[in-house]
Amino acid sequence: MEKSKSHRVLFCIGINQNFMSAPAEEMKHVWQAFSQMMQSVDSLPGVDILGIMDDDCIQVGPSADAPWTAYIMADVPDLETVIEACNFFRTIPVGDGTYKLWKYCKVEARIGRKLVVPEDAISK
C-alpha cells in the first residue's frame, strides 16, 4: 500500500443558537467572517479543498452535534495545518471584533486517508 503524503480531512461545521438568534445585521457580519474563514483555509499552504457541502435545506435550526450543518473535505499536508484551520474559528473576528467566529459556530475535524482499494482485492 502506498503511503499518503497528506491527510484527508473532513471539517464538520455546526451552527449554534447564537447565530440563529442574531439580528439580521449581526448575521451579515457572521457570514462575512465565515467567508473569511473559508478563504483562509483554502489559502493554507498545501491544502487542497475537494468539496464543500451545506445541508441547511434539509436541516433546520442549530446543530449541537452530527449531523452537522456544513462540511469541508480537503487534503491537508499535516496535523499542524489541520489545527491551524480549526484555529480560524477562534481568531477570525465578527463585526467589530468583540466576538470571534466560534461564538456562532463550531468545527470538528475528522482525519483519515484517501480510501484506495488494493488492486489484489479486486482482481479475479
Protein backbone atom coordinates (compact mmCIF):
# COMPACT_ATOMS: atom_id res chain seq x y z
CA MET A 1 0.00 0.00 0.00
CA GLU A 2 1.29 3.41 -0.98
CA LYS A 3 1.79 5.75 1.95
CA SER A 4 -0.09 9.03 1.53
CA LYS A 5 1.81 12.30 1.81
CA SER A 6 -1.25 14.10 3.18
CA HIS A 7 -4.30 13.62 5.36
CA ARG A 8 -7.85 13.50 4.07
CA VAL A 9 -9.77 15.78 6.45
CA LEU A 10 -13.47 16.37 6.90
CA PHE A 11 -14.09 19.64 8.71
CA CYS A 12 -17.56 19.30 10.25
CA ILE A 13 -19.11 22.70 10.96
CA GLY A 14 -22.05 23.21 13.28
CA ILE A 15 -24.05 26.42 13.51
CA ASN A 16 -25.28 27.21 17.03
CA GLN A 17 -28.16 29.09 18.60
CA ASN A 18 -26.20 32.36 18.84
CA PHE A 19 -26.33 32.60 15.06
CA MET A 20 -29.98 31.54 14.88
CA SER A 21 -30.95 34.21 17.44
CA ALA A 22 -28.85 37.02 15.97
CA PRO A 23 -30.46 40.03 14.31
CA ALA A 24 -30.03 40.38 10.53
CA GLU A 25 -27.11 42.84 10.73
CA GLU A 26 -25.18 40.57 13.10
CA MET A 27 -25.88 37.55 10.84
CA LYS A 28 -24.42 39.54 7.95
CA HIS A 29 -21.20 40.04 9.92
CA VAL A 30 -21.10 36.33 10.77
CA TRP A 31 -21.44 35.44 7.08
CA GLN A 32 -18.55 37.79 6.27
CA ALA A 33 -16.40 36.13 8.95
CA PHE A 34 -17.45 32.68 7.71
CA SER A 35 -16.40 33.62 4.18
CA GLN A 36 -13.06 34.84 5.52
CA MET A 37 -12.61 31.52 7.35
CA MET A 38 -13.23 29.50 4.18
CA GLN A 39 -10.82 31.68 2.19
CA SER A 40 -8.23 31.34 4.97
CA VAL A 41 -8.49 27.54 4.98
CA ASP A 42 -8.19 27.49 1.19
CA SER A 43 -5.06 29.68 1.32
CA LEU A 44 -3.14 27.48 3.79
CA PRO A 45 -0.03 26.01 2.15
CA GLY A 46 -0.59 22.51 0.83
CA VAL A 47 -4.37 22.49 1.40
CA ASP A 48 -6.47 21.19 -1.49
CA ILE A 49 -10.20 21.65 -0.88
CA LEU A 50 -12.01 18.79 -2.59
CA GLY A 51 -15.52 19.97 -1.85
CA ILE A 52 -17.83 21.94 0.40
CA MET A 53 -21.31 20.75 1.32
CA ASP A 54 -24.10 22.57 3.12
CA ASP A 55 -27.17 20.65 4.25
CA ASP A 56 -29.16 23.64 5.53
CA CYS A 57 -32.04 22.88 3.15
CA ILE A 58 -32.90 19.67 5.00
CA GLN A 59 -31.72 20.64 8.48
CA VAL A 60 -33.47 23.43 10.37
CA GLY A 61 -32.05 25.03 13.50
CA PRO A 62 -28.71 24.74 15.26
CA SER A 63 -26.58 21.60 15.10
CA ALA A 64 -25.38 20.50 18.53
CA ASP A 65 -23.57 17.52 17.01
CA ALA A 66 -23.85 15.25 13.97
CA PRO A 67 -25.43 15.78 11.56
CA TRP A 68 -23.53 19.00 11.08
CA THR A 69 -24.64 21.98 9.03
CA ALA A 70 -21.72 22.21 6.61
CA TYR A 71 -18.67 20.21 5.67
CA ILE A 72 -15.34 20.97 4.02
CA MET A 73 -13.43 17.97 2.64
CA ALA A 74 -9.77 18.69 1.97
CA ASP A 75 -6.39 17.08 1.57
CA VAL A 76 -4.15 18.66 4.19
CA PRO A 77 -0.37 18.15 4.45
CA ASP A 78 -0.04 17.64 8.22
CA LEU A 79 -1.69 17.78 11.62
CA GLU A 80 -0.34 21.28 12.32
CA THR A 81 -2.22 22.61 9.28
CA VAL A 82 -5.44 20.93 10.44
CA ILE A 83 -5.02 22.65 13.81
CA GLU A 84 -4.32 25.99 12.10
CA ALA A 85 -7.51 25.64 10.02
CA CYS A 86 -9.60 24.89 13.13
CA ASN A 87 -8.00 27.83 14.92
CA PHE A 88 -9.54 30.26 12.41
CA PHE A 89 -12.83 29.77 14.29
CA ARG A 90 -11.11 31.11 17.45
CA THR A 91 -9.35 34.03 15.81
CA ILE A 92 -11.46 35.46 12.99
CA PRO A 93 -13.40 38.47 14.31
CA VAL A 94 -17.09 39.05 13.67
CA GLY A 95 -18.17 42.63 13.08
CA ASP A 96 -16.30 45.00 15.39
CA GLY A 97 -14.24 42.12 16.80
CA THR A 98 -15.98 41.90 20.17
CA TYR A 99 -16.70 38.24 19.34
CA LYS A 100 -14.93 35.67 17.25
CA LEU A 101 -16.49 33.20 14.82
CA TRP A 102 -16.66 30.42 17.41
CA LYS A 103 -19.44 32.26 19.23
CA TYR A 104 -21.69 31.39 16.28
CA CYS A 105 -20.37 28.06 15.01
CA LYS A 106 -18.04 25.25 15.87
CA VAL A 107 -15.76 22.93 13.96
CA GLU A 108 -14.62 19.39 14.49
CA ALA A 109 -12.07 17.74 12.19
CA ARG A 110 -12.08 14.08 11.19
CA ILE A 111 -8.69 12.97 9.92
CA GLY A 112 -8.13 9.91 7.78
CA ARG A 113 -6.63 8.96 4.49
CA LYS A 114 -7.80 8.62 0.93
CA LEU A 115 -9.53 5.27 0.53
CA VAL A 116 -7.73 3.19 -2.06
CA VAL A 117 -8.97 -0.32 -2.79
CA PRO A 118 -5.95 -2.64 -3.10
CA GLU A 119 -5.57 -3.98 -6.63
CA ASP A 120 -5.28 -7.56 -5.38
CA ALA A 121 -8.66 -7.23 -3.63
CA ILE A 122 -10.49 -6.66 -6.91
CA SER A 123 -8.54 -8.91 -9.28
CA LYS A 124 -10.05 -12.29 -10.10
